Amino acid sequence: MIIAARIHPNSKKSEVVKDESGKLDVYVVEPAINNKANLACIKVLSKFLKIKKSQLILIKGEKSKEKVFSTL
């Protein structure tokens, strides 16, 4: 499954919000420095999707707010 998400680093709390178009907005507390926000995003998304963190792979957008993930 392919998942498109927009990441919001430095948020007050970590959460996933689905907008009216079906795209996911992922809010994470960690800053976008040294891959911290990407790792936090994987953690929050895996909890939201109820899958293991190892099953979620970032395939596009490592240095962008717009990210694409794949599940195994």
PDB file of N, CA and C in Angstrom:
ATOM      1  N   MET A   1       0.842  -1.166   0.000  1.00  0.00           N
ATOM      2  CA  MET A   1       0.000   0.000   0.000  1.00  0.00           C
ATOM      3  C   MET A   1       0.898   1.243   0.000  1.00  0.00           C
ATOM      4  N   ILE A   2       0.532   2.239  -0.787  1.00  0.00           N
ATOM      5  CA  ILE A   2       1.257   3.507  -0.864  1.00  0.00           C
ATOM      6  C   ILE A   2       0.500   4.549  -0.037  1.00  0.00           C
ATOM      7  N   ILE A   3       1.245   5.290   0.781  1.00  0.00           N
ATOM      8  CA  ILE A   3       0.656   6.296   1.662  1.00  0.00           C
ATOM      9  C   ILE A   3       1.337   7.629   1.416  1.00  0.00           C
ATOM     10  N   ALA A   4       0.570   8.651   1.056  1.00  0.00           N
ATOM     11  CA  ALA A   4       1.095  10.002   0.879  1.00  0.00           C
ATOM     12  C   ALA A   4       0.785  10.800   2.142  1.00  0.00           C
ATOM     13  N   ALA A   5       1.782  11.539   2.621  1.00  0.00           N
ATOM     14  CA  ALA A   5       1.588  12.298   3.860  1.00  0.00           C
ATOM     15  C   ALA A   5       2.350  13.610   3.802  1.00  0.00           C
ATOM     16  N   ARG A   6       1.843  14.594   4.517  1.00  0.00           N
ATOM     17  CA  ARG A   6       2.526  15.878   4.686  1.00  0.00           C
ATOM     18  C   ARG A   6       2.958  15.951   6.145  1.00  0.00           C
ATOM     19  N   ILE A   7       4.244  16.228   6.351  1.00  0.00           N
ATOM     20  CA  ILE A   7       4.825  16.220   7.685  1.00  0.00           C
ATOM     21  C   ILE A   7       4.917  17.643   8.227  1.00  0.00           C
ATOM     22  N   HIS A   8       4.589  17.777   9.513  1.00  0.00           N
ATOM     23  CA  HIS A   8       4.675  19.052  10.212  1.00  0.00           C
ATOM     24  C   HIS A   8       5.590  18.872  11.431  1.00  0.00           C
ATOM     25  N   PRO A   9       6.897  19.115  11.279  1.00  0.00           N
ATOM     26  CA  PRO A   9       7.809  18.969  12.427  1.00  0.00           C
ATOM     27  C   PRO A   9       7.636  20.116  13.420  1.00  0.00           C
ATOM     28  N   ASN A  10       8.201  19.949  14.617  1.00  0.00           N
ATOM     29  CA  ASN A  10       8.156  20.953  15.688  1.00  0.00           C
ATOM     30  C   ASN A  10       6.728  21.291  16.119  1.00  0.00           C
ATOM     31  N   SER A  11       5.846  20.308  16.102  1.00  0.00           N
ATOM     32  CA  SER A  11       4.469  20.519  16.551  1.00  0.00           C
ATOM     33  C   SER A  11       4.380  20.353  18.064  1.00  0.00           C
ATOM     34  N   LYS A  12       3.267  20.770  18.626  1.00  0.00           N
ATOM     35  CA  LYS A  12       3.092  20.655  20.074  1.00  0.00           C
ATOM     36  C   LYS A  12       2.873  19.219  20.512  1.00  0.00           C
ATOM     37  N   LYS A  13       2.200  18.412  19.661  1.00  0.00           N
ATOM     38  CA  LYS A  13       2.006  17.006  19.997  1.00  0.00           C
ATOM     39  C   LYS A  13       2.044  16.170  18.719  1.00  0.00           C
ATOM     40  N   SER A  14       2.319  14.896  18.882  1.00  0.00           N
ATOM     41  CA  SER A  14       2.394  13.977  17.750  1.00  0.00           C
ATOM     42  C   SER A  14       1.024  13.376  17.485  1.00  0.00           C
ATOM     43  N   GLU A  15       0.560  13.529  16.238  1.00  0.00           N
ATOM     44  CA  GLU A  15      -0.738  12.969  15.859  1.00  0.00           C
ATOM     45  C   GLU A  15      -0.850  12.891  14.341  1.00  0.00           C
ATOM     46  N   VAL A  16      -1.827  12.121  13.885  1.00  0.00           N
ATOM     47  CA  VAL A  16      -2.123  11.983  12.459  1.00  0.00           C
ATOM     48  C   VAL A  16      -3.538  12.493  12.234  1.00  0.00           C
ATOM     49  N   VAL A  17      -3.680  13.382  11.240  1.00  0.00           N
ATOM     50  CA  VAL A  17      -4.986  13.946  10.912  1.00  0.00           C
ATOM     51  C   VAL A  17      -5.246  13.694   9.432  1.00  0.00           C
ATOM     52  N   LYS A  18      -6.432  13.149   9.140  1.00  0.00           N
ATOM     53  CA  LYS A  18      -6.813  12.887   7.752  1.00  0.00           C
ATOM     54  C   LYS A  18      -7.678  14.040   7.275  1.00  0.00           C
ATOM     55  N   ASP A  19      -7.284  14.701   6.169  1.00  0.00           N
ATOM     56  CA  ASP A  19      -8.075  15.830   5.672  1.00  0.00           C
ATOM     57  C   ASP A  19      -9.187  15.341   4.747  1.00  0.00           C
ATOM     58  N   GLU A  20      -9.999  16.270   4.247  1.00  0.00           N
ATOM     59  CA  GLU A  20     -11.162  15.907   3.439  1.00  0.00           C
ATOM     60  C   GLU A  20     -10.804  15.259   2.104  1.00  0.00           C
ATOM     61  N   SER A  21      -9.603  15.509   1.596  1.00  0.00           N
ATOM     62  CA  SER A  21      -9.186  14.886   0.336  1.00  0.00           C
ATOM     63  C   SER A  21      -8.596  13.491   0.548  1.00  0.00           C
ATOM     64  N   GLY A  22      -8.439  13.068   1.799  1.00  0.00           N
ATOM     65  CA  GLY A  22      -7.908  11.741   2.088  1.00  0.00           C
ATOM     66  C   GLY A  22      -6.419  11.713   2.366  1.00  0.00           C
ATOM     67  N   LYS A  23      -5.755  12.863   2.243  1.00  0.00           N
ATOM     68  CA  LYS A  23      -4.320  12.922   2.510  1.00  0.00           C
ATOM     69  C   LYS A  23      -4.078  13.018   4.014  1.00  0.00           C
ATOM     70  N   LEU A  24      -2.986  12.436   4.450  1.00  0.00           N
ATOM     71  CA  LEU A  24      -2.658  12.425   5.872  1.00  0.00           C
ATOM     72  C   LEU A  24      -1.723  13.578   6.217  1.00  0.00           C
ATOM     73  N   ASP A  25      -2.019  14.263   7.295  1.00  0.00           N
ATOM     74  CA  ASP A  25      -1.131  15.271   7.869  1.00  0.00           C
ATOM     75  C   ASP A  25      -0.575  14.660   9.148  1.00  0.00           C
ATOM     76  N   VAL A  26       0.758  14.548   9.201  1.00  0.00           N
ATOM     77  CA  VAL A  26       1.407  13.938  10.352  1.00  0.00           C
ATOM     78  C   VAL A  26       2.143  15.033  11.119  1.00  0.00           C
ATOM     79  N   TYR A  27       1.746  15.236  12.360  1.00  0.00           N
ATOM     80  CA  TYR A  27       2.363  16.226  13.230  1.00  0.00           C
ATOM     81  C   TYR A  27       3.307  15.504  14.185  1.00  0.00           C
ATOM     82  N   VAL A  28       4.572  15.946  14.220  1.00  0.00           N
ATOM     83  CA  VAL A  28       5.560  15.333  15.118  1.00  0.00           C
ATOM     84  C   VAL A  28       6.251  16.414  15.931  1.00  0.00           C
ATOM     85  N   VAL A  29       6.644  16.064  17.139  1.00  0.00           N
ATOM     86  CA  VAL A  29       7.282  16.996  18.060  1.00  0.00           C
ATOM     87  C   VAL A  29       8.739  17.253  17.669  1.00  0.00           C
ATOM     88  N   GLU A  30       9.395  16.253  17.093  1.00  0.00           N
ATOM     89  CA  GLU A  30      10.815  16.333  16.775  1.00  0.00           C
ATOM     90  C   GLU A  30      11.093  17.337  15.651  1.00  0.00           C
ATOM     91  N   PRO A  31      12.287  17.960  15.673  1.00  0.00           N
ATOM     92  CA  PRO A  31      12.672  18.892  14.602  1.00  0.00           C
ATOM     93  C   PRO A  31      13.128  18.137  13.352  1.00  0.00           C
ATOM     94  N   ALA A  32      13.154  18.842  12.249  1.00  0.00           N
ATOM     95  CA  ALA A  32      13.582  18.250  10.978  1.00  0.00           C
ATOM     96  C   ALA A  32      15.103  18.333  10.836  1.00  0.00           C
ATOM     97  N   ILE A  33      15.809  17.807  11.799  1.00  0.00           N
ATOM     98  CA  ILE A  33      17.272  17.822  11.811  1.00  0.00           C
ATOM     99  C   ILE A  33      17.765  16.398  12.010  1.00  0.00           C
ATOM    100  N   ASN A  34      18.762  16.000  11.253  1.00  0.00           N
ATOM    101  CA  ASN A  34      19.397  14.684  11.380  1.00  0.00           C
ATOM    102  C   ASN A  34      18.391  13.533  11.321  1.00  0.00           C
ATOM    103  N   ASN A  35      17.408  13.645  10.451  1.00  0.00           N
ATOM    104  CA  ASN A  35      16.444  12.566  10.198  1.00  0.00           C
ATOM    105  C   ASN A  35      15.508  12.283  11.384  1.00  0.00           C
ATOM    106  N   LYS A  36      15.492  13.140  12.388  1.00  0.00           N
ATOM    107  CA  LYS A  36      14.664  12.910  13.578  1.00  0.00           C
ATOM    108  C   LYS A  36      13.174  12.955  13.244  1.00  0.00           C
ATOM    109  N   ALA A  37      12.762  13.901  12.420  1.00  0.00           N
ATOM    110  CA  ALA A  37      11.341  14.017  12.078  1.00  0.00           C
ATOM    111  C   ALA A  37      10.880  12.827  11.230  1.00  0.00           C
ATOM    112  N   ASN A  38      11.726  12.329  10.348  1.00  0.00           N
ATOM    113  CA  ASN A  38      11.360  11.166   9.537  1.00  0.00           C
ATOM    114  C   ASN A  38      11.149   9.938  10.410  1.00  0.00           C
ATOM    115  N   LEU A  39      12.044   9.719  11.355  1.00  0.00           N
ATOM    116  CA  LEU A  39      11.922   8.570  12.245  1.00  0.00           C
ATOM    117  C   LEU A  39      10.685   8.693  13.134  1.00  0.00           C
ATOM    118  N   ALA A  40      10.417   9.898  13.602  1.00  0.00           N
ATOM    119  CA  ALA A  40       9.227  10.127  14.423  1.00  0.00           C
ATOM    120  C   ALA A  40       7.956   9.934  13.598  1.00  0.00           C
ATOM    121  N   CYS A  41       8.003  10.342  12.352  1.00  0.00           N
ATOM    122  CA  CYS A  41       6.858  10.186  11.460  1.00  0.00           C
ATOM    123  C   CYS A  41       6.544   8.705  11.247  1.00  0.00           C
ATOM    124  N   ILE A  42       7.567   7.904  11.054  1.00  0.00           N
ATOM    125  CA  ILE A  42       7.370   6.463  10.884  1.00  0.00           C
ATOM    126  C   ILE A  42       6.741   5.873  12.148  1.00  0.00           C
ATOM    127  N   LYS A  43       7.204   6.318  13.299  1.00  0.00           N
ATOM    128  CA  LYS A  43       6.678   5.824  14.568  1.00  0.00           C
ATOM    129  C   LYS A  43       5.192   6.167  14.722  1.00  0.00           C
ATOM    130  N   VAL A  44       4.836   7.420  14.444  1.00  0.00           N
ATOM    131  CA  VAL A  44       3.454   7.876  14.600  1.00  0.00           C
ATOM    132  C   VAL A  44       2.542   7.226  13.560  1.00  0.00           C
ATOM    133  N   LEU A  45       3.013   7.136  12.317  1.00  0.00           N
ATOM    134  CA  LEU A  45       2.203   6.524  11.263  1.00  0.00           C
ATOM    135  C   LEU A  45       1.976   5.036  11.515  1.00  0.00           C
ATOM    136  N   SER A  46       3.002   4.345  11.976  1.00  0.00           N
ATOM    137  CA  SER A  46       2.849   2.909  12.235  1.00  0.00           C
ATOM    138  C   SER A  46       1.834   2.671  13.353  1.00  0.00           C
ATOM    139  N   LYS A  47       1.827   3.547  14.337  1.00  0.00           N
ATOM    140  CA  LYS A  47       0.844   3.437  15.413  1.00  0.00           C
ATOM    141  C   LYS A  47      -0.563   3.712  14.874  1.00  0.00           C
ATOM    142  N   PHE A  48      -0.699   4.720  14.008  1.00  0.00           N
ATOM    143  CA  PHE A  48      -1.982   5.072  13.416  1.00  0.00           C
ATOM    144  C   PHE A  48      -2.517   3.943  12.536  1.00  0.00           C
ATOM    145  N   LEU A  49      -1.627   3.315  11.755  1.00  0.00           N
ATOM    146  CA  LEU A  49      -2.025   2.241  10.839  1.00  0.00           C
ATOM    147  C   LEU A  49      -2.064   0.868  11.510  1.00  0.00           C
ATOM    148  N   LYS A  50      -1.600   0.801  12.773  1.00  0.00           N
ATOM    149  CA  LYS A  50      -1.557  -0.441  13.541  1.00  0.00           C
ATOM    150  C   LYS A  50      -0.708  -1.508  12.859  1.00  0.00           C
ATOM    151  N   ILE A  51       0.497  -1.083  12.446  1.00  0.00           N
ATOM    152  CA  ILE A  51       1.474  -1.998  11.877  1.00  0.00           C
ATOM    153  C   ILE A  51       2.806  -1.783  12.587  1.00  0.00           C
ATOM    154  N   LYS A  52       3.754  -2.685  12.359  1.00  0.00           N
ATOM    155  CA  LYS A  52       5.080  -2.544  12.949  1.00  0.00           C
ATOM    156  C   LYS A  52       5.851  -1.447  12.230  1.00  0.00           C
ATOM    157  N   LYS A  53       6.759  -0.790  12.956  1.00  0.00           N
ATOM    158  CA  LYS A  53       7.581   0.268  12.349  1.00  0.00           C
ATOM    159  C   LYS A  53       8.424  -0.277  11.207  1.00  0.00           C
ATOM    160  N   SER A  54       8.862  -1.510  11.316  1.00  0.00           N
ATOM    161  CA  SER A  54       9.706  -2.111  10.282  1.00  0.00           C
ATOM    162  C   SER A  54       8.948  -2.391   8.990  1.00  0.00           C
ATOM    163  N   GLN A  55       7.623  -2.343   9.027  1.00  0.00           N
ATOM    164  CA  GLN A  55       6.810  -2.576   7.838  1.00  0.00           C
ATOM    165  C   GLN A  55       6.543  -1.295   7.049  1.00  0.00           C
ATOM    166  N   LEU A  56       6.954  -0.161   7.561  1.00  0.00           N
ATOM    167  CA  LEU A  56       6.718   1.124   6.921  1.00  0.00           C
ATOM    168  C   LEU A  56       8.039   1.674   6.397  1.00  0.00           C
ATOM    169  N   ILE A  57       8.096   1.940   5.090  1.00  0.00           N
ATOM    170  CA  ILE A  57       9.336   2.384   4.449  1.00  0.00           C
ATOM    171  C   ILE A  57       9.105   3.717   3.754  1.00  0.00           C
ATOM    172  N   LEU A  58      10.011   4.657   3.992  1.00  0.00           N
ATOM    173  CA  LEU A  58       9.976   5.949   3.301  1.00  0.00           C
ATOM    174  C   LEU A  58      10.578   5.757   1.912  1.00  0.00           C
ATOM    175  N   ILE A  59       9.769   5.969   0.876  1.00  0.00           N
ATOM    176  CA  ILE A  59      10.279   5.745  -0.479  1.00  0.00           C
ATOM    177  C   ILE A  59      10.529   7.042  -1.250  1.00  0.00           C
ATOM    178  N   LYS A  60       9.951   8.150  -0.798  1.00  0.00           N
ATOM    179  CA  LYS A  60      10.145   9.420  -1.506  1.00  0.00           C
ATOM    180  C   LYS A  60       9.950  10.577  -0.546  1.00  0.00           C
ATOM    181  N   GLY A  61      10.812  11.598  -0.644  1.00  0.00           N
ATOM    182  CA  GLY A  61      10.645  12.817   0.127  1.00  0.00           C
ATOM    183  C   GLY A  61      11.439  12.872   1.406  1.00  0.00           C
ATOM    184  N   GLU A  62      12.636  12.337   1.411  1.00  0.00           N
ATOM    185  CA  GLU A  62      13.445  12.323   2.633  1.00  0.00           C
ATOM    186  C   GLU A  62      13.703  13.720   3.176  1.00  0.00           C
ATOM    187  N   LYS A  63      13.888  14.704   2.290  1.00  0.00           N
ATOM    188  CA  LYS A  63      14.178  16.072   2.725  1.00  0.00           C
ATOM    189  C   LYS A  63      13.045  17.034   2.376  1.00  0.00           C
ATOM    190  N   SER A  64      11.845  16.516   2.230  1.00  0.00           N
ATOM    191  CA  SER A  64      10.691  17.316   1.863  1.00  0.00           C
ATOM    192  C   SER A  64       9.588  17.122   2.897  1.00  0.00           C
ATOM    193  N   LYS A  65       8.654  18.057   2.956  1.00  0.00           N
ATOM    194  CA  LYS A  65       7.500  17.892   3.837  1.00  0.00           C
ATOM    195  C   LYS A  65       6.488  16.917   3.247  1.00  0.00           C
ATOM    196  N   GLU A  66       6.488  16.796   1.924  1.00  0.00           N
ATOM    197  CA  GLU A  66       5.613  15.845   1.232  1.00  0.00           C
ATOM    198  C   GLU A  66       6.358  14.518   1.123  1.00  0.00           C
ATOM    199  N   LYS A  67       5.822  13.469   1.753  1.00  0.00           N
ATOM    200  CA  LYS A  67       6.499  12.186   1.799  1.00  0.00           C
ATOM    201  C   LYS A  67       5.584  11.092   1.277  1.00  0.00           C
ATOM    202  N   VAL A  68       6.210  10.049   0.750  1.00  0.00           N
ATOM    203  CA  VAL A  68       5.479   8.874   0.279  1.00  0.00           C
ATOM    204  C   VAL A  68       6.065   7.661   0.983  1.00  0.00           C
ATOM    205  N   PHE A  69       5.178   6.880   1.599  1.00  0.00           N
ATOM    206  CA  PHE A  69       5.572   5.680   2.317  1.00  0.00           C
ATOM    207  C   PHE A  69       4.980   4.460   1.647  1.00  0.00           C
ATOM    208  N   SER A  70       5.614   3.324   1.874  1.00  0.00           N
ATOM    209  CA  SER A  70       5.117   2.045   1.391  1.00  0.00           C
ATOM    210  C   SER A  70       5.063   1.088   2.563  1.00  0.00           C
ATOM    211  N   THR A  71       4.071   0.215   2.555  1.00  0.00           N
ATOM    212  CA  THR A  71       3.979  -0.808   3.587  1.00  0.00           C
ATOM    213  C   THR A  71       4.346  -2.153   2.993  1.00  0.00           C
ATOM    214  N   LEU A  72       4.937  -2.990   3.805  1.00  0.00           N
ATOM    215  CA  LEU A  72       5.325  -4.337   3.360  1.00  0.00           C
ATOM    216  C   LEU A  72       4.206  -5.317   3.608  1.00  0.00           C
TER     217      LEU A  72
END
